[in-house]
Amino acid sequence: DFRAIQNELMIFWEACKADPRSVGMIYVKNRRMGASFLSVVELLESGTINQDKILGIVSKKDVTPKKYLTV
């Protein structure tokens, strides 16, 4: 489900990536904030913009990457 806070977070994240003075951000999250989905979105964007890029996802369970990365 779409949440406005996720939109604001992604806008802030894009600003962090665009600013050469930024070294990133500290993301303190609650449960059910969609962190796995946001990381997959970031991987997908990075993988489609850059050619020959190797991407991966780290997960505590083996089923999570399969759930997000299968077509």
C-alpha atoms as a PDB file:
ATOM      1  CA  ASP A   1       0.000   0.000   0.000  1.00  0.00           C
ATOM      2  CA  PHE A   2       1.170   3.521  -0.794  1.00  0.00           C
ATOM      3  CA  ARG A   3       2.101   5.667   2.161  1.00  0.00           C
ATOM      4  CA  ALA A   4       2.842   9.383   1.931  1.00  0.00           C
ATOM      5  CA  ILE A   5       5.808   8.986   4.292  1.00  0.00           C
ATOM      6  CA  GLN A   6       7.449   6.622   1.779  1.00  0.00           C
ATOM      7  CA  ASN A   7       7.095   9.262  -0.928  1.00  0.00           C
ATOM      8  CA  GLU A   8       8.680  11.891   1.303  1.00  0.00           C
ATOM      9  CA  LEU A   9      11.455   9.483   2.251  1.00  0.00           C
ATOM     10  CA  MET A  10      12.279   8.742  -1.388  1.00  0.00           C
ATOM     11  CA  ILE A  11      12.310  12.458  -2.259  1.00  0.00           C
ATOM     12  CA  PHE A  12      14.733  13.050   0.625  1.00  0.00           C
ATOM     13  CA  TRP A  13      16.854  10.056  -0.458  1.00  0.00           C
ATOM     14  CA  GLU A  14      17.112  11.412  -4.017  1.00  0.00           C
ATOM     15  CA  ALA A  15      18.195  14.787  -2.563  1.00  0.00           C
ATOM     16  CA  CYS A  16      20.874  13.004  -0.505  1.00  0.00           C
ATOM     17  CA  LYS A  17      22.174  11.224  -3.615  1.00  0.00           C
ATOM     18  CA  ALA A  18      22.184  14.447  -5.663  1.00  0.00           C
ATOM     19  CA  ASP A  19      24.029  16.550  -3.055  1.00  0.00           C
ATOM     20  CA  PRO A  20      27.808  16.040  -3.320  1.00  0.00           C
ATOM     21  CA  ARG A  21      28.220  17.118   0.314  1.00  0.00           C
ATOM     22  CA  SER A  22      25.973  14.293   1.546  1.00  0.00           C
ATOM     23  CA  VAL A  23      27.362  10.951   2.682  1.00  0.00           C
ATOM     24  CA  GLY A  24      23.917   9.332   2.930  1.00  0.00           C
ATOM     25  CA  MET A  25      21.225   9.250   5.558  1.00  0.00           C
ATOM     26  CA  ILE A  26      20.410   7.429   8.754  1.00  0.00           C
ATOM     27  CA  TYR A  27      17.144   5.574   8.289  1.00  0.00           C
ATOM     28  CA  VAL A  28      15.489   4.723  11.598  1.00  0.00           C
ATOM     29  CA  LYS A  29      12.414   2.701  10.839  1.00  0.00           C
ATOM     30  CA  ASN A  30       9.443   1.093  12.505  1.00  0.00           C
ATOM     31  CA  ARG A  31       7.921  -2.221  11.608  1.00  0.00           C
ATOM     32  CA  ARG A  32       5.702  -2.271   8.538  1.00  0.00           C
ATOM     33  CA  MET A  33       7.440   0.718   6.896  1.00  0.00           C
ATOM     34  CA  GLY A  34       8.156  -1.205   3.699  1.00  0.00           C
ATOM     35  CA  ALA A  35      11.956  -1.170   3.986  1.00  0.00           C
ATOM     36  CA  SER A  36      12.365  -4.328   1.888  1.00  0.00           C
ATOM     37  CA  PHE A  37      10.180  -2.920  -0.869  1.00  0.00           C
ATOM     38  CA  LEU A  38      12.031   0.416  -0.837  1.00  0.00           C
ATOM     39  CA  SER A  39      15.369  -1.382  -1.145  1.00  0.00           C
ATOM     40  CA  VAL A  40      14.080  -3.414  -4.093  1.00  0.00           C
ATOM     41  CA  VAL A  41      12.853  -0.211  -5.756  1.00  0.00           C
ATOM     42  CA  GLU A  42      16.303   1.320  -5.298  1.00  0.00           C
ATOM     43  CA  LEU A  43      17.956  -1.800  -6.742  1.00  0.00           C
ATOM     44  CA  LEU A  44      15.596  -1.811  -9.705  1.00  0.00           C
ATOM     45  CA  GLU A  45      16.265   1.845 -10.458  1.00  0.00           C
ATOM     46  CA  SER A  46      20.018   1.391 -10.128  1.00  0.00           C
ATOM     47  CA  GLY A  47      19.964  -1.726 -12.289  1.00  0.00           C
ATOM     48  CA  THR A  48      17.960  -0.147 -15.085  1.00  0.00           C
ATOM     49  CA  ILE A  49      19.967   3.090 -15.237  1.00  0.00           C
ATOM     50  CA  ASN A  50      23.433   1.490 -15.256  1.00  0.00           C
ATOM     51  CA  GLN A  51      24.594  -1.084 -17.777  1.00  0.00           C
ATOM     52  CA  ASP A  52      26.239  -4.351 -16.607  1.00  0.00           C
ATOM     53  CA  LYS A  53      25.589  -3.700 -12.921  1.00  0.00           C
ATOM     54  CA  ILE A  54      25.539  -6.605 -10.473  1.00  0.00           C
ATOM     55  CA  LEU A  55      22.880  -6.219  -7.795  1.00  0.00           C
ATOM     56  CA  GLY A  56      21.885  -8.243  -4.766  1.00  0.00           C
ATOM     57  CA  ILE A  57      19.602  -8.266  -1.762  1.00  0.00           C
ATOM     58  CA  VAL A  58      20.410  -9.381   1.786  1.00  0.00           C
ATOM     59  CA  SER A  59      17.701 -11.051   3.811  1.00  0.00           C
ATOM     60  CA  LYS A  60      17.288 -13.030   7.012  1.00  0.00           C
ATOM     61  CA  LYS A  61      15.086 -15.566   5.223  1.00  0.00           C
ATOM     62  CA  ASP A  62      15.723 -17.270   1.889  1.00  0.00           C
ATOM     63  CA  VAL A  63      12.170 -16.653   0.654  1.00  0.00           C
ATOM     64  CA  THR A  64      12.252 -12.842   0.816  1.00  0.00           C
ATOM     65  CA  PRO A  65      14.637 -12.254  -2.129  1.00  0.00           C
ATOM     66  CA  LYS A  66      12.798 -14.840  -4.194  1.00  0.00           C
ATOM     67  CA  LYS A  67       9.482 -13.134  -3.429  1.00  0.00           C
ATOM     68  CA  TYR A  68      10.712  -9.709  -4.541  1.00  0.00           C
ATOM     69  CA  LEU A  69      13.013 -10.605  -7.417  1.00  0.00           C
ATOM     70  CA  THR A  70      11.057 -13.214  -9.356  1.00  0.00           C
ATOM     71  CA  VAL A  71       9.035 -12.146 -12.367  1.00  0.00           C
END
